[in-house]
Each structure stands twice: as C-alpha cells, then as structure tokens.
Protein backbone atom coordinates (compact mmCIF):
# COMPACT_ATOMS: atom_id res chain seq x y z
CA MET A 1 134.06 -8.86 118.78
CA SER A 2 130.30 -9.29 119.10
CA ALA A 3 127.87 -8.13 116.44
CA GLU A 4 126.43 -5.51 118.81
CA THR A 5 129.88 -4.08 119.61
CA GLU A 6 130.73 -3.93 115.92
CA LYS A 7 127.44 -2.18 115.14
CA ILE A 8 128.10 0.43 117.85
CA GLN A 9 131.64 1.00 116.54
CA ASN A 10 130.26 1.48 113.02
CA ILE A 11 127.74 4.03 114.30
CA ILE A 12 130.47 5.90 116.20
CA LYS A 13 132.61 5.87 113.05
CA SER A 14 129.71 7.24 110.96
CA ILE A 15 129.18 10.02 113.52
CA SER A 16 132.83 11.08 113.34
CA GLU A 17 132.92 10.89 109.52
CA ASN A 18 129.65 12.78 109.05
CA LYS A 19 130.29 16.51 109.07
CA LYS A 20 126.59 17.27 109.52
CA GLU A 21 125.71 18.63 112.93
CA ILE A 22 123.85 16.25 115.20
CA ARG A 23 121.54 18.06 117.58
CA THR A 24 120.52 16.86 121.00
CA LEU A 25 116.89 15.98 121.69
CA THR A 26 116.64 19.18 123.76
CA GLN A 27 117.90 21.28 120.84
CA ILE A 28 115.49 19.56 118.45
CA LYS A 29 112.57 20.19 120.81
CA THR A 30 113.54 23.85 121.31
CA LEU A 31 113.67 24.47 117.54
CA THR A 32 110.38 22.66 117.04
CA ASP A 33 108.72 24.73 119.78
CA GLU A 34 109.97 27.96 118.20
CA VAL A 35 108.67 27.00 114.75
CA VAL A 36 105.25 25.81 115.97
CA ASN A 37 104.82 28.97 118.05
CA ASP A 38 105.85 31.12 115.06
CA ILE A 39 103.28 29.44 112.83
CA PHE A 40 100.38 29.63 115.27
CA ASP A 41 101.08 32.92 117.10
CA GLU A 42 99.02 35.23 114.89
CA PHE A 43 96.15 32.75 114.49
CA ILE A 44 95.83 31.10 117.90
CA ASN A 45 92.56 32.95 118.60
CA TYR A 46 90.70 30.88 116.02
CA PRO A 47 88.81 28.08 117.80
CA ARG A 48 90.46 25.07 116.12
CA ASN A 49 94.05 26.26 116.27
CA PRO A 50 94.84 25.69 119.99
CA ASP A 51 93.96 22.00 119.62
CA ASN A 52 95.81 21.78 116.30
CA LYS A 53 98.88 23.33 117.95
CA MET A 54 98.87 20.82 120.81
CA GLU A 55 98.43 17.95 118.34
CA ALA A 56 101.37 19.25 116.30
CA PHE A 57 103.62 19.32 119.38
CA GLU A 58 102.70 15.71 120.13
CA ILE A 59 103.30 14.43 116.57
CA LEU A 60 106.53 16.37 116.04
CA LYS A 61 108.25 14.62 118.98
CA ASP A 62 109.63 12.12 116.46
CA PHE A 63 110.59 14.72 113.83
CA GLN A 64 113.32 17.32 113.43
CA LEU A 65 113.38 20.60 111.55
CA ILE A 66 115.64 20.28 108.52
CA GLN A 67 117.02 22.20 105.56
CA TYR A 68 115.77 21.23 102.11
CA SER A 69 119.28 20.00 101.25
CA ASP A 70 118.81 17.26 103.89
CA LEU A 71 115.60 16.00 102.29
CA PHE A 72 115.65 12.81 100.24
CA LYS A 73 113.24 10.60 98.35
CA GLY A 74 111.56 8.21 100.77
CA ASP A 75 111.81 10.52 103.80
CA THR A 76 108.72 10.83 105.97
CA VAL A 77 108.06 14.55 106.36
CA ALA A 78 105.71 16.87 108.17
CA TYR A 79 104.79 20.43 107.26
CA PHE A 80 102.07 22.90 108.11
CA LYS A 81 99.18 23.57 105.76
CA THR A 82 98.55 27.25 106.48
CA ASN A 83 96.31 28.36 103.61
CA GLU A 84 93.31 27.89 105.93
CA PHE A 85 94.72 30.10 108.68
CA TRP A 86 91.67 29.52 110.87
CA ASN A 87 92.42 25.77 110.87
CA ILE A 88 96.20 25.28 110.54
CA LYS A 89 96.99 21.58 110.17
CA LEU A 90 100.12 19.49 110.32
CA VAL A 91 100.39 17.31 107.22
CA ILE A 92 102.45 14.12 107.11
CA GLY A 93 103.59 12.35 103.96
CA LYS A 94 106.47 10.68 102.18
CA VAL A 95 108.75 12.46 99.70
CA VAL A 96 108.49 10.81 96.28
CA GLY A 97 110.40 13.33 94.16
CA GLN A 98 111.00 16.91 93.17
CA ASN A 99 109.73 18.84 90.16
CA LYS A 100 111.65 21.24 87.93
CA LYS A 101 110.47 24.27 89.93
CA GLY A 102 112.01 22.86 93.13
CA PHE A 103 108.75 21.83 94.76
CA TYR A 104 108.74 18.47 96.52
CA SER A 105 106.27 15.75 95.58
CA VAL A 106 104.79 14.40 98.79
CA LYS A 107 102.53 11.37 98.86
CA LEU A 108 99.81 11.75 101.46
CA LYS A 109 97.46 9.11 102.86
CA GLY A 110 95.93 7.04 100.13
CA SER A 111 97.44 7.91 96.79
CA LYS A 112 97.15 11.71 96.78
CA ILE A 113 100.36 13.48 95.75
CA VAL A 114 100.87 17.19 96.43
CA TYR A 115 103.68 19.54 95.43
CA VAL A 116 104.94 21.59 98.35
CA LEU A 117 107.69 24.01 99.33
CA PRO A 118 106.63 25.09 102.82
CA LYS A 119 108.42 27.64 104.99
CA TYR A 120 109.32 24.90 107.48
CA ILE A 121 109.70 21.19 106.91
CA PHE A 122 110.37 18.40 109.38
CA ARG A 123 111.80 14.93 108.72
CA LYS A 124 111.00 11.91 110.86
CA LEU A 125 113.99 10.70 112.86
CA THR A 126 115.11 7.18 112.02
CA ASP A 127 115.87 4.68 114.78
CA GLU A 128 119.57 4.97 113.90
CA GLU A 129 119.45 8.78 114.22
CA LYS A 130 117.71 8.48 117.60
CA PHE A 131 120.40 6.05 118.74
CA LYS A 132 123.19 8.38 117.56
CA ILE A 133 121.61 11.28 119.44
CA GLN A 134 121.27 9.22 122.60
CA LEU A 135 124.87 8.01 122.25
CA ILE A 136 126.20 11.55 121.84
CA GLU A 137 124.10 12.79 124.78
CA ALA A 138 125.43 9.94 126.94
CA VAL A 139 129.06 10.68 126.02
CA PHE A 140 128.76 14.41 126.67
CA THR A 141 127.04 13.97 130.03
CA LEU A 142 129.96 11.88 131.38
C-alpha cells in the first residue's frame, strides 16, 4: 500500500471515529454569511462598515464558525471587534490560553495579547480539515 493510500485511509478512519459533525463548504459559508449579516445589519449605514463587511467575507472563506468547546490553544481565530460600532472590524489572532473567568487569551499581531469572549468566534480550517470536507463532499455527490 502506498503512503498516499495509507494517509487517505487514516483520514477516512478519523472521520468515522470522530463524532463531531463535519459541515460542507456550502454549510460553512451559509453560517458565516448569516453571522456577518447579523453583526453588520444594524450598523451598515456607517461609512466604513460596508467595506469592512466585504473584507470580512473575503477573510472568513478559510474559517468556520465554532463553539467555544472546539477552541484549543494554538488555534488561529477570527472574531468581530464591535465596541466601535461605526467601524466594526474583524480581528485575527492565535489562542494562547484561557483565564479563570473563561475569557480566551488571543495573541494579535506583534506581541499584544487581549482577553476576549465574543458572541461569535471562527477558527481557521486546517489543510486536513479542508481535505476531509472535500472528501466527504465527493463521496456524497456520487
């Protein structure tokens, strides 16, 4: 058996053993669209927000909406900074821990660390997750 075949069989085995739901790319995009629209709907009339919204859609193509229980140290995450409602921004960082109050420590560009617990949080899809999704989509379209 070739190394590639063995790797694919291991991925298929991990899919069947993992009880966590794997969404299709269409489902991920639909959820992302709903969340982004929910965040911007009330504030889209502010001049910067339409551009910020379009930028968020573009960046979030490689992310999926997750539950906090699916968040781990080292994950690349994205969340919306909404305290400046006239200029809502998507923030990207890496999870470095969690404090006693349940807030996540996220390292931003440079060395700045913030503590966040946003309403919505997205995690960047790994190459293996993307492959699993594509594999599942291929199997179910046969």
